[in-house]
Amino acid sequence: MANTPEGKVKEKIKKMLNTHDCYVTMPIGTGFGCAGVPDYLVCINGHFLGIEAKAGKNKPTALQDQHMTNIRRFGGYTIVVNEDNFDELEKLLKDLS
């Protein structure tokens, strides 16, 4: 996974999540899963968080945006993380802890 630019972002996210007391799962992105679901589904101190990993200037797809909109609609949090904003994820994790 870490050989691609997005894989490197995911590895850094995973390491960051391992430093926090939270539940983490990565949904299956195959035909058996649900397309567009964020890469990481996290429960931290009773808060639901969806994290979408992107590399460079890549943006979420329309389906990914819809899933993140629905998560926020029901009171959860979402964040799109790339190489430039790991600090925003760390701040969010601390705020939710």
PDB file of N, CA and C in Angstrom:
ATOM      1  N   MET A   1       0.828  -1.195   0.000  1.00  0.00           N
ATOM      2  CA  MET A   1       0.000   0.000   0.000  1.00  0.00           C
ATOM      3  C   MET A   1       0.870   1.255   0.000  1.00  0.00           C
ATOM      4  N   ALA A   2       1.970   1.264   0.695  1.00  0.00           N
ATOM      5  CA  ALA A   2       2.759   2.489   0.859  1.00  0.00           C
ATOM      6  C   ALA A   2       3.599   2.830  -0.369  1.00  0.00           C
ATOM      7  N   ASN A   3       3.541   2.023  -1.424  1.00  0.00           N
ATOM      8  CA  ASN A   3       4.343   2.304  -2.605  1.00  0.00           C
ATOM      9  C   ASN A   3       3.771   3.428  -3.456  1.00  0.00           C
ATOM     10  N   THR A   4       2.500   3.709  -3.342  1.00  0.00           N
ATOM     11  CA  THR A   4       1.875   4.783  -4.100  1.00  0.00           C
ATOM     12  C   THR A   4       1.845   6.051  -3.251  1.00  0.00           C
ATOM     13  N   PRO A   5       1.715   7.213  -3.874  1.00  0.00           N
ATOM     14  CA  PRO A   5       1.600   8.442  -3.075  1.00  0.00           C
ATOM     15  C   PRO A   5       0.432   8.389  -2.083  1.00  0.00           C
ATOM     16  N   GLU A   6      -0.739   7.886  -2.530  1.00  0.00           N
ATOM     17  CA  GLU A   6      -1.876   7.785  -1.610  1.00  0.00           C
ATOM     18  C   GLU A   6      -1.606   6.748  -0.529  1.00  0.00           C
ATOM     19  N   GLY A   7      -0.915   5.678  -0.877  1.00  0.00           N
ATOM     20  CA  GLY A   7      -0.554   4.662   0.111  1.00  0.00           C
ATOM     21  C   GLY A   7       0.317   5.232   1.212  1.00  0.00           C
ATOM     22  N   LYS A   8       1.217   6.133   0.847  1.00  0.00           N
ATOM     23  CA  LYS A   8       2.067   6.786   1.847  1.00  0.00           C
ATOM     24  C   LYS A   8       1.241   7.666   2.781  1.00  0.00           C
ATOM     25  N   VAL A   9       0.240   8.345   2.226  1.00  0.00           N
ATOM     26  CA  VAL A   9      -0.654   9.159   3.062  1.00  0.00           C
ATOM     27  C   VAL A   9      -1.410   8.244   4.022  1.00  0.00           C
ATOM     28  N   LYS A  10      -1.923   7.120   3.512  1.00  0.00           N
ATOM     29  CA  LYS A  10      -2.669   6.181   4.362  1.00  0.00           C
ATOM     30  C   LYS A  10      -1.792   5.630   5.480  1.00  0.00           C
ATOM     31  N   GLU A  11      -0.549   5.304   5.169  1.00  0.00           N
ATOM     32  CA  GLU A  11       0.356   4.784   6.201  1.00  0.00           C
ATOM     33  C   GLU A  11       0.584   5.820   7.303  1.00  0.00           C
ATOM     34  N   LYS A  12       0.741   7.066   6.933  1.00  0.00           N
ATOM     35  CA  LYS A  12       0.957   8.113   7.940  1.00  0.00           C
ATOM     36  C   LYS A  12      -0.311   8.316   8.774  1.00  0.00           C
ATOM     37  N   ILE A  13      -1.472   8.263   8.132  1.00  0.00           N
ATOM     38  CA  ILE A  13      -2.740   8.369   8.868  1.00  0.00           C
ATOM     39  C   ILE A  13      -2.843   7.217   9.865  1.00  0.00           C
ATOM     40  N   LYS A  14      -2.546   6.017   9.400  1.00  0.00           N
ATOM     41  CA  LYS A  14      -2.629   4.829  10.259  1.00  0.00           C
ATOM     42  C   LYS A  14      -1.721   4.966  11.479  1.00  0.00           C
ATOM     43  N   LYS A  15      -0.493   5.423  11.267  1.00  0.00           N
ATOM     44  CA  LYS A  15       0.429   5.628  12.392  1.00  0.00           C
ATOM     45  C   LYS A  15      -0.108   6.672  13.361  1.00  0.00           C
ATOM     46  N   MET A  16      -0.692   7.744  12.820  1.00  0.00           N
ATOM     47  CA  MET A  16      -1.247   8.796  13.665  1.00  0.00           C
ATOM     48  C   MET A  16      -2.421   8.254  14.487  1.00  0.00           C
ATOM     49  N   LEU A  17      -3.295   7.481  13.854  1.00  0.00           N
ATOM     50  CA  LEU A  17      -4.445   6.928  14.566  1.00  0.00           C
ATOM     51  C   LEU A  17      -3.997   5.967  15.663  1.00  0.00           C
ATOM     52  N   ASN A  18      -2.903   5.259  15.437  1.00  0.00           N
ATOM     53  CA  ASN A  18      -2.397   4.311  16.443  1.00  0.00           C
ATOM     54  C   ASN A  18      -1.910   5.007  17.708  1.00  0.00           C
ATOM     55  N   THR A  19      -1.670   6.313  17.645  1.00  0.00           N
ATOM     56  CA  THR A  19      -1.229   7.041  18.839  1.00  0.00           C
ATOM     57  C   THR A  19      -2.416   7.552  19.658  1.00  0.00           C
ATOM     58  N   HIS A  20      -3.641   7.322  19.169  1.00  0.00           N
ATOM     59  CA  HIS A  20      -4.845   7.779  19.866  1.00  0.00           C
ATOM     60  C   HIS A  20      -5.668   6.564  20.297  1.00  0.00           C
ATOM     61  N   ASP A  21      -6.402   6.728  21.379  1.00  0.00           N
ATOM     62  CA  ASP A  21      -7.266   5.672  21.892  1.00  0.00           C
ATOM     63  C   ASP A  21      -8.580   5.730  21.118  1.00  0.00           C
ATOM     64  N   CYS A  22      -8.655   4.947  20.026  1.00  0.00           N
ATOM     65  CA  CYS A  22      -9.855   4.996  19.191  1.00  0.00           C
ATOM     66  C   CYS A  22     -10.053   3.671  18.471  1.00  0.00           C
ATOM     67  N   TYR A  23     -11.277   3.469  18.012  1.00  0.00           N
ATOM     68  CA  TYR A  23     -11.609   2.323  17.166  1.00  0.00           C
ATOM     69  C   TYR A  23     -11.407   2.745  15.724  1.00  0.00           C
ATOM     70  N   VAL A  24     -10.746   1.914  14.925  1.00  0.00           N
ATOM     71  CA  VAL A  24     -10.467   2.229  13.522  1.00  0.00           C
ATOM     72  C   VAL A  24     -10.758   1.015  12.661  1.00  0.00           C
ATOM     73  N   THR A  25     -11.407   1.242  11.547  1.00  0.00           N
ATOM     74  CA  THR A  25     -11.561   0.190  10.549  1.00  0.00           C
ATOM     75  C   THR A  25     -11.416   0.809   9.170  1.00  0.00           C
ATOM     76  N   MET A  26     -10.968  -0.010   8.244  1.00  0.00           N
ATOM     77  CA  MET A  26     -10.844   0.402   6.849  1.00  0.00           C
ATOM     78  C   MET A  26     -11.808  -0.464   6.039  1.00  0.00           C
ATOM     79  N   PRO A  27     -12.908   0.123   5.552  1.00  0.00           N
ATOM     80  CA  PRO A  27     -13.887  -0.661   4.789  1.00  0.00           C
ATOM     81  C   PRO A  27     -13.269  -1.241   3.513  1.00  0.00           C
ATOM     82  N   ILE A  28     -13.797  -2.349   3.095  1.00  0.00           N
ATOM     83  CA  ILE A  28     -13.345  -3.000   1.869  1.00  0.00           C
ATOM     84  C   ILE A  28     -13.811  -2.176   0.676  1.00  0.00           C
ATOM     85  N   GLY A  29     -12.908  -1.876  -0.229  1.00  0.00           N
ATOM     86  CA  GLY A  29     -13.251  -1.079  -1.396  1.00  0.00           C
ATOM     87  C   GLY A  29     -13.536  -1.906  -2.627  1.00  0.00           C
ATOM     88  N   THR A  30     -13.910  -3.166  -2.450  1.00  0.00           N
ATOM     89  CA  THR A  30     -14.186  -4.038  -3.590  1.00  0.00           C
ATOM     90  C   THR A  30     -15.676  -4.122  -3.833  1.00  0.00           C
ATOM     91  N   GLY A  31     -16.080  -4.996  -4.711  1.00  0.00           N
ATOM     92  CA  GLY A  31     -17.493  -5.203  -5.011  1.00  0.00           C
ATOM     93  C   GLY A  31     -18.297  -5.681  -3.822  1.00  0.00           C
ATOM     94  N   PHE A  32     -17.615  -6.169  -2.788  1.00  0.00           N
ATOM     95  CA  PHE A  32     -18.315  -6.635  -1.600  1.00  0.00           C
ATOM     96  C   PHE A  32     -18.515  -5.520  -0.575  1.00  0.00           C
ATOM     97  N   GLY A  33     -17.874  -4.391  -0.786  1.00  0.00           N
ATOM     98  CA  GLY A  33     -17.998  -3.264   0.136  1.00  0.00           C
ATOM     99  C   GLY A  33     -18.979  -2.247  -0.412  1.00  0.00           C
ATOM    100  N   CYS A  34     -18.952  -1.086   0.164  1.00  0.00           N
ATOM    101  CA  CYS A  34     -19.826   0.003  -0.252  1.00  0.00           C
ATOM    102  C   CYS A  34     -18.953   1.090  -0.874  1.00  0.00           C
ATOM    103  N   ALA A  35     -19.097   1.307  -2.149  1.00  0.00           N
ATOM    104  CA  ALA A  35     -18.271   2.281  -2.861  1.00  0.00           C
ATOM    105  C   ALA A  35     -18.443   3.681  -2.285  1.00  0.00           C
ATOM    106  N   GLY A  36     -17.337   4.410  -2.227  1.00  0.00           N
ATOM    107  CA  GLY A  36     -17.381   5.806  -1.805  1.00  0.00           C
ATOM    108  C   GLY A  36     -17.237   6.053  -0.320  1.00  0.00           C
ATOM    109  N   VAL A  37     -17.242   4.997   0.489  1.00  0.00           N
ATOM    110  CA  VAL A  37     -17.101   5.149   1.933  1.00  0.00           C
ATOM    111  C   VAL A  37     -15.678   5.628   2.221  1.00  0.00           C
ATOM    112  N   PRO A  38     -15.494   6.551   3.193  1.00  0.00           N
ATOM    113  CA  PRO A  38     -14.143   7.030   3.507  1.00  0.00           C
ATOM    114  C   PRO A  38     -13.182   5.881   3.808  1.00  0.00           C
ATOM    115  N   ASP A  39     -11.900   6.124   3.568  1.00  0.00           N
ATOM    116  CA  ASP A  39     -10.873   5.104   3.753  1.00  0.00           C
ATOM    117  C   ASP A  39     -10.784   4.595   5.186  1.00  0.00           C
ATOM    118  N   TYR A  40     -10.997   5.483   6.152  1.00  0.00           N
ATOM    119  CA  TYR A  40     -10.949   5.120   7.571  1.00  0.00           C
ATOM    120  C   TYR A  40     -12.254   5.534   8.231  1.00  0.00           C
ATOM    121  N   LEU A  41     -12.840   4.608   8.977  1.00  0.00           N
ATOM    122  CA  LEU A  41     -13.992   4.917   9.829  1.00  0.00           C
ATOM    123  C   LEU A  41     -13.495   4.796  11.265  1.00  0.00           C
ATOM    124  N   VAL A  42     -13.660   5.871  12.004  1.00  0.00           N
ATOM    125  CA  VAL A  42     -13.062   5.984  13.337  1.00  0.00           C
ATOM    126  C   VAL A  42     -14.135   6.354  14.351  1.00  0.00           C
ATOM    127  N   CYS A  43     -14.068   5.738  15.520  1.00  0.00           N
ATOM    128  CA  CYS A  43     -14.879   6.174  16.652  1.00  0.00           C
ATOM    129  C   CYS A  43     -13.891   6.575  17.745  1.00  0.00           C
ATOM    130  N   ILE A  44     -13.957   7.844  18.141  1.00  0.00           N
ATOM    131  CA  ILE A  44     -13.030   8.371  19.134  1.00  0.00           C
ATOM    132  C   ILE A  44     -13.820   9.140  20.181  1.00  0.00           C
ATOM    133  N   ASN A  45     -13.808   8.634  21.395  1.00  0.00           N
ATOM    134  CA  ASN A  45     -14.516   9.258  22.510  1.00  0.00           C
ATOM    135  C   ASN A  45     -15.993   9.487  22.180  1.00  0.00           C
ATOM    136  N   GLY A  46     -16.605   8.515  21.502  1.00  0.00           N
ATOM    137  CA  GLY A  46     -18.022   8.603  21.162  1.00  0.00           C
ATOM    138  C   GLY A  46     -18.329   9.409  19.917  1.00  0.00           C
ATOM    139  N   HIS A  47     -17.321   9.905  19.244  1.00  0.00           N
ATOM    140  CA  HIS A  47     -17.499  10.694  18.019  1.00  0.00           C
ATOM    141  C   HIS A  47     -17.164   9.830  16.803  1.00  0.00           C
ATOM    142  N   PHE A  48     -17.987   9.957  15.768  1.00  0.00           N
ATOM    143  CA  PHE A  48     -17.769   9.223  14.524  1.00  0.00           C
ATOM    144  C   PHE A  48     -17.009  10.113  13.556  1.00  0.00           C
ATOM    145  N   LEU A  49     -15.954   9.568  12.963  1.00  0.00           N
ATOM    146  CA  LEU A  49     -15.098  10.326  12.066  1.00  0.00           C
ATOM    147  C   LEU A  49     -14.788   9.506  10.821  1.00  0.00           C
ATOM    148  N   GLY A  50     -15.021  10.095   9.653  1.00  0.00           N
ATOM    149  CA  GLY A  50     -14.639   9.487   8.387  1.00  0.00           C
ATOM    150  C   GLY A  50     -13.433  10.218   7.832  1.00  0.00           C
ATOM    151  N   ILE A  51     -12.387   9.472   7.480  1.00  0.00           N
ATOM    152  CA  ILE A  51     -11.163  10.070   6.944  1.00  0.00           C
ATOM    153  C   ILE A  51     -10.941   9.548   5.529  1.00  0.00           C
ATOM    154  N   GLU A  52     -10.854  10.455   4.586  1.00  0.00           N
ATOM    155  CA  GLU A  52     -10.557  10.109   3.192  1.00  0.00           C
ATOM    156  C   GLU A  52      -9.128  10.537   2.887  1.00  0.00           C
ATOM    157  N   ALA A  53      -8.320   9.606   2.413  1.00  0.00           N
ATOM    158  CA  ALA A  53      -6.923   9.889   2.077  1.00  0.00           C
ATOM    159  C   ALA A  53      -6.821  10.212   0.588  1.00  0.00           C
ATOM    160  N   LYS A  54      -6.082  11.246   0.287  1.00  0.00           N
ATOM    161  CA  LYS A  54      -5.817  11.638  -1.100  1.00  0.00           C
ATOM    162  C   LYS A  54      -4.359  12.036  -1.216  1.00  0.00           C
ATOM    163  N   ALA A  55      -3.822  11.910  -2.399  1.00  0.00           N
ATOM    164  CA  ALA A  55      -2.445  12.325  -2.648  1.00  0.00           C
ATOM    165  C   ALA A  55      -2.443  13.563  -3.527  1.00  0.00           C
ATOM    166  N   GLY A  56      -1.520  14.454  -3.253  1.00  0.00           N
ATOM    167  CA  GLY A  56      -1.366  15.643  -4.087  1.00  0.00           C
ATOM    168  C   GLY A  56      -2.621  16.486  -4.141  1.00  0.00           C
ATOM    169  N   LYS A  57      -3.010  16.849  -5.335  1.00  0.00           N
ATOM    170  CA  LYS A  57      -4.180  17.713  -5.539  1.00  0.00           C
ATOM    171  C   LYS A  57      -5.455  16.911  -5.786  1.00  0.00           C
ATOM    172  N   ASN A  58      -5.395  15.580  -5.638  1.00  0.00           N
ATOM    173  CA  ASN A  58      -6.581  14.748  -5.864  1.00  0.00           C
ATOM    174  C   ASN A  58      -7.703  15.156  -4.922  1.00  0.00           C
ATOM    175  N   LYS A  59      -8.917  15.106  -5.426  1.00  0.00           N
ATOM    176  CA  LYS A  59     -10.108  15.479  -4.677  1.00  0.00           C
ATOM    177  C   LYS A  59     -11.026  14.265  -4.549  1.00  0.00           C
ATOM    178  N   PRO A  60     -11.899  14.262  -3.539  1.00  0.00           N
ATOM    179  CA  PRO A  60     -12.873  13.177  -3.418  1.00  0.00           C
ATOM    180  C   PRO A  60     -13.802  13.142  -4.640  1.00  0.00           C
ATOM    181  N   THR A  61     -14.248  11.946  -4.965  1.00  0.00           N
ATOM    182  CA  THR A  61     -15.228  11.783  -6.037  1.00  0.00           C
ATOM    183  C   THR A  61     -16.584  12.288  -5.548  1.00  0.00           C
ATOM    184  N   ALA A  62     -17.522  12.417  -6.476  1.00  0.00           N
ATOM    185  CA  ALA A  62     -18.879  12.847  -6.100  1.00  0.00           C
ATOM    186  C   ALA A  62     -19.494  11.867  -5.101  1.00  0.00           C
ATOM    187  N   LEU A  63     -19.265  10.575  -5.301  1.00  0.00           N
ATOM    188  CA  LEU A  63     -19.810   9.574  -4.381  1.00  0.00           C
ATOM    189  C   LEU A  63     -19.158   9.682  -3.003  1.00  0.00           C
ATOM    190  N   GLN A  64     -17.852   9.902  -2.962  1.00  0.00           N
ATOM    191  CA  GLN A  64     -17.172  10.098  -1.677  1.00  0.00           C
ATOM    192  C   GLN A  64     -17.685  11.347  -0.980  1.00  0.00           C
ATOM    193  N   ASP A  65     -17.878  12.423  -1.738  1.00  0.00           N
ATOM    194  CA  ASP A  65     -18.440  13.652  -1.165  1.00  0.00           C
ATOM    195  C   ASP A  65     -19.821  13.399  -0.574  1.00  0.00           C
ATOM    196  N   GLN A  66     -20.634  12.611  -1.268  1.00  0.00           N
ATOM    197  CA  GLN A  66     -21.981  12.314  -0.771  1.00  0.00           C
ATOM    198  C   GLN A  66     -21.925  11.544   0.541  1.00  0.00           C
ATOM    199  N   HIS A  67     -21.044  10.563   0.635  1.00  0.00           N
ATOM    200  CA  HIS A  67     -20.906   9.812   1.891  1.00  0.00           C
ATOM    201  C   HIS A  67     -20.452  10.734   3.027  1.00  0.00           C
ATOM    202  N   MET A  68     -19.502  11.609   2.748  1.00  0.00           N
ATOM    203  CA  MET A  68     -19.022  12.515   3.796  1.00  0.00           C
ATOM    204  C   MET A  68     -20.108  13.515   4.195  1.00  0.00           C
ATOM    205  N   THR A  69     -20.898  13.971   3.242  1.00  0.00           N
ATOM    206  CA  THR A  69     -22.016  14.862   3.543  1.00  0.00           C
ATOM    207  C   THR A  69     -23.009  14.156   4.459  1.00  0.00           C
ATOM    208  N   ASN A  70     -23.307  12.895   4.172  1.00  0.00           N
ATOM    209  CA  ASN A  70     -24.242  12.138   5.007  1.00  0.00           C
ATOM    210  C   ASN A  70     -23.685  11.921   6.410  1.00  0.00           C
ATOM    211  N   ILE A  71     -22.405  11.643   6.522  1.00  0.00           N
ATOM    212  CA  ILE A  71     -21.800  11.477   7.855  1.00  0.00           C
ATOM    213  C   ILE A  71     -21.980  12.761   8.658  1.00  0.00           C
ATOM    214  N   ARG A  72     -21.675  13.899   8.059  1.00  0.00           N
ATOM    215  CA  ARG A  72     -21.836  15.190   8.762  1.00  0.00           C
ATOM    216  C   ARG A  72     -23.306  15.475   9.056  1.00  0.00           C
ATOM    217  N   ARG A  73     -24.188  15.106   8.152  1.00  0.00           N
ATOM    218  CA  ARG A  73     -25.633  15.326   8.348  1.00  0.00           C
ATOM    219  C   ARG A  73     -26.138  14.631   9.614  1.00  0.00           C
ATOM    220  N   PHE A  74     -25.552  13.496   9.912  1.00  0.00           N
ATOM    221  CA  PHE A  74     -25.982  12.742  11.087  1.00  0.00           C
ATOM    222  C   PHE A  74     -25.095  12.984  12.305  1.00  0.00           C
ATOM    223  N   GLY A  75     -24.316  14.069  12.271  1.00  0.00           N
ATOM    224  CA  GLY A  75     -23.572  14.490  13.450  1.00  0.00           C
ATOM    225  C   GLY A  75     -22.138  14.030  13.519  1.00  0.00           C
ATOM    226  N   GLY A  76     -21.666  13.341  12.488  1.00  0.00           N
ATOM    227  CA  GLY A  76     -20.283  12.884  12.479  1.00  0.00           C
ATOM    228  C   GLY A  76     -19.355  13.950  11.918  1.00  0.00           C
ATOM    229  N   TYR A  77     -18.107  13.601  11.857  1.00  0.00           N
ATOM    230  CA  TYR A  77     -17.057  14.493  11.354  1.00  0.00           C
ATOM    231  C   TYR A  77     -16.381  13.823  10.172  1.00  0.00           C
ATOM    232  N   THR A  78     -15.903  14.624   9.255  1.00  0.00           N
ATOM    233  CA  THR A  78     -15.133  14.097   8.134  1.00  0.00           C
ATOM    234  C   THR A  78     -13.943  15.009   7.857  1.00  0.00           C
ATOM    235  N   ILE A  79     -12.927  14.409   7.247  1.00  0.00           N
ATOM    236  CA  ILE A  79     -11.768  15.185   6.832  1.00  0.00           C
ATOM    237  C   ILE A  79     -11.117  14.468   5.649  1.00  0.00           C
ATOM    238  N   VAL A  80     -10.664  15.261   4.701  1.00  0.00           N
ATOM    239  CA  VAL A  80      -9.867  14.748   3.588  1.00  0.00           C
ATOM    240  C   VAL A  80      -8.422  15.099   3.912  1.00  0.00           C
ATOM    241  N   VAL A  81      -7.567  14.081   3.927  1.00  0.00           N
ATOM    242  CA  VAL A  81      -6.175  14.277   4.334  1.00  0.00           C
ATOM    243  C   VAL A  81      -5.248  13.994   3.152  1.00  0.00           C
ATOM    244  N   ASN A  82      -4.309  14.917   2.942  1.00  0.00           N
ATOM    245  CA  ASN A  82      -3.237  14.687   1.967  1.00  0.00           C
ATOM    246  C   ASN A  82      -1.907  15.029   2.638  1.00  0.00           C
ATOM    247  N   GLU A  83      -0.856  15.094   1.848  1.00  0.00           N
ATOM    248  CA  GLU A  83       0.479  15.319   2.402  1.00  0.00           C
ATOM    249  C   GLU A  83       0.622  16.665   3.112  1.00  0.00           C
ATOM    250  N   ASP A  84      -0.275  17.595   2.828  1.00  0.00           N
ATOM    251  CA  ASP A  84      -0.142  18.964   3.329  1.00  0.00           C
ATOM    252  C   ASP A  84      -0.932  19.276   4.592  1.00  0.00           C
ATOM    253  N   ASN A  85      -1.809  18.373   5.058  1.00  0.00           N
ATOM    254  CA  ASN A  85      -2.658  18.762   6.185  1.00  0.00           C
ATOM    255  C   ASN A  85      -2.757  17.712   7.297  1.00  0.00           C
ATOM    256  N   PHE A  86      -1.678  16.970   7.526  1.00  0.00           N
ATOM    257  CA  PHE A  86      -1.682  16.028   8.648  1.00  0.00           C
ATOM    258  C   PHE A  86      -1.899  16.750   9.974  1.00  0.00           C
ATOM    259  N   ASP A  87      -1.440  17.993  10.061  1.00  0.00           N
ATOM    260  CA  ASP A  87      -1.623  18.760  11.297  1.00  0.00           C
ATOM    261  C   ASP A  87      -3.099  19.005  11.585  1.00  0.00           C
ATOM    262  N   GLU A  88      -3.914  19.177  10.548  1.00  0.00           N
ATOM    263  CA  GLU A  88      -5.362  19.363  10.738  1.00  0.00           C
ATOM    264  C   GLU A  88      -5.999  18.094  11.291  1.00  0.00           C
ATOM    265  N   LEU A  89      -5.554  16.938  10.796  1.00  0.00           N
ATOM    266  CA  LEU A  89      -6.064  15.679  11.329  1.00  0.00           C
ATOM    267  C   LEU A  89      -5.657  15.521  12.783  1.00  0.00           C
ATOM    268  N   GLU A  90      -4.406  15.808  13.115  1.00  0.00           N
ATOM    269  CA  GLU A  90      -3.952  15.680  14.498  1.00  0.00           C
ATOM    270  C   GLU A  90      -4.752  16.587  15.425  1.00  0.00           C
ATOM    271  N   LYS A  91      -5.016  17.819  14.997  1.00  0.00           N
ATOM    272  CA  LYS A  91      -5.813  18.744  15.797  1.00  0.00           C
ATOM    273  C   LYS A  91      -7.230  18.211  15.999  1.00  0.00           C
ATOM    274  N   LEU A  92      -7.843  17.700  14.932  1.00  0.00           N
ATOM    275  CA  LEU A  92      -9.194  17.152  15.038  1.00  0.00           C
ATOM    276  C   LEU A  92      -9.225  15.968  15.997  1.00  0.00           C
ATOM    277  N   LEU A  93      -8.249  15.079  15.898  1.00  0.00           N
ATOM    278  CA  LEU A  93      -8.208  13.922  16.801  1.00  0.00           C
ATOM    279  C   LEU A  93      -8.063  14.369  18.252  1.00  0.00           C
ATOM    280  N   LYS A  94      -7.229  15.361  18.505  1.00  0.00           N
ATOM    281  CA  LYS A  94      -7.079  15.871  19.872  1.00  0.00           C
ATOM    282  C   LYS A  94      -8.357  16.528  20.348  1.00  0.00           C
ATOM    283  N   ASP A  95      -9.015  17.296  19.480  1.00  0.00           N
ATOM    284  CA  ASP A  95     -10.272  17.953  19.862  1.00  0.00           C
ATOM    285  C   ASP A  95     -11.373  16.952  20.180  1.00  0.00           C
ATOM    286  N   LEU A  96     -11.391  15.818  19.487  1.00  0.00           N
ATOM    287  CA  LEU A  96     -12.425  14.815  19.710  1.00  0.00           C
ATOM    288  C   LEU A  96     -12.109  13.875  20.868  1.00  0.00           C
ATOM    289  N   SER A  97     -10.859  13.848  21.308  1.00  0.00           N
ATOM    290  CA  SER A  97     -10.452  12.950  22.406  1.00  0.00           C
ATOM    291  C   SER A  97     -11.021  13.400  23.732  1.00  0.00           C
TER     292      SER A  97
END
